[in-house]
Amino acid sequence: MPKRKPSAARPASDQIRQEIRRVETRSRFGSVMRNTLAVLLSIAAIAVLVATFLMPVFRIYGTAMVPTISENEIVVALKTRSPEKGDIIAFYYNNRILVRRIIAGPGDLVSVDEYGNVEVDYRRIVERYARPKANGGSDVEYPVRVPDDGWFVLGDNRTGSIDSRHSVIGCVTQDQLIGKVVCCIWPFNAIRVFEPVSFY
């Protein structure tokens, strides 16, 4: 009579239950990770869209807006097509982003004298933020008539700014405009909102 082969030991029911739990846990973990990754990618995509199309964020290079905005500060702009006098705006110039303050709007007449005093429509404006006042080597002929789709802009640092006083920049037009600079978000000890100013 032939001998029977010894049968393999059956796994205990506890071991089977543990293996099922392990497989289920791994499956749940993978599902959670996939969902988390999808949420993070969605948030990142929304943040990029907001930063690109609604609220661009960028670092300041140069000292043209000192003392209002310092070099290396990070600011946020709000997209708008109709900034007002006194607003700080960001705009494109030769593949660079510049930040300056609007002094005059469409149709205004602007003059800057040899001492840096500014007149808009033959009325001198008060600029408590501009330090120091200076002509800044202006090479345009005054008075300047601002075009219907443009703005006359100046840096708050009148001795260290290239702006509408210089023919290489001139008046900023709609197609150059990025938006109105509304606040500084970095460094943390310099977080602030840029308040509107009055010229009179």
Foldseek 3Di string as FASTA:
>chain_A
DDDDDDDDDDDDPVVVVVVVVVVVVVVVVVVVVVVVVVVVVVVVVVVVCCCQPAKPKDFADFDLAPPVDGHGFIFIFGDDQDDDAQFWFWWDDPNDIDIWGFHDAAFWWWDQDQQQFIDINNHTWDDPQAPPRGLQPQDDDGRDTAHRFWTFTGHSDSNTDDGLSHPSHNTDGSVGTGGTTFWTPPDPVRTDGDDGDGGD
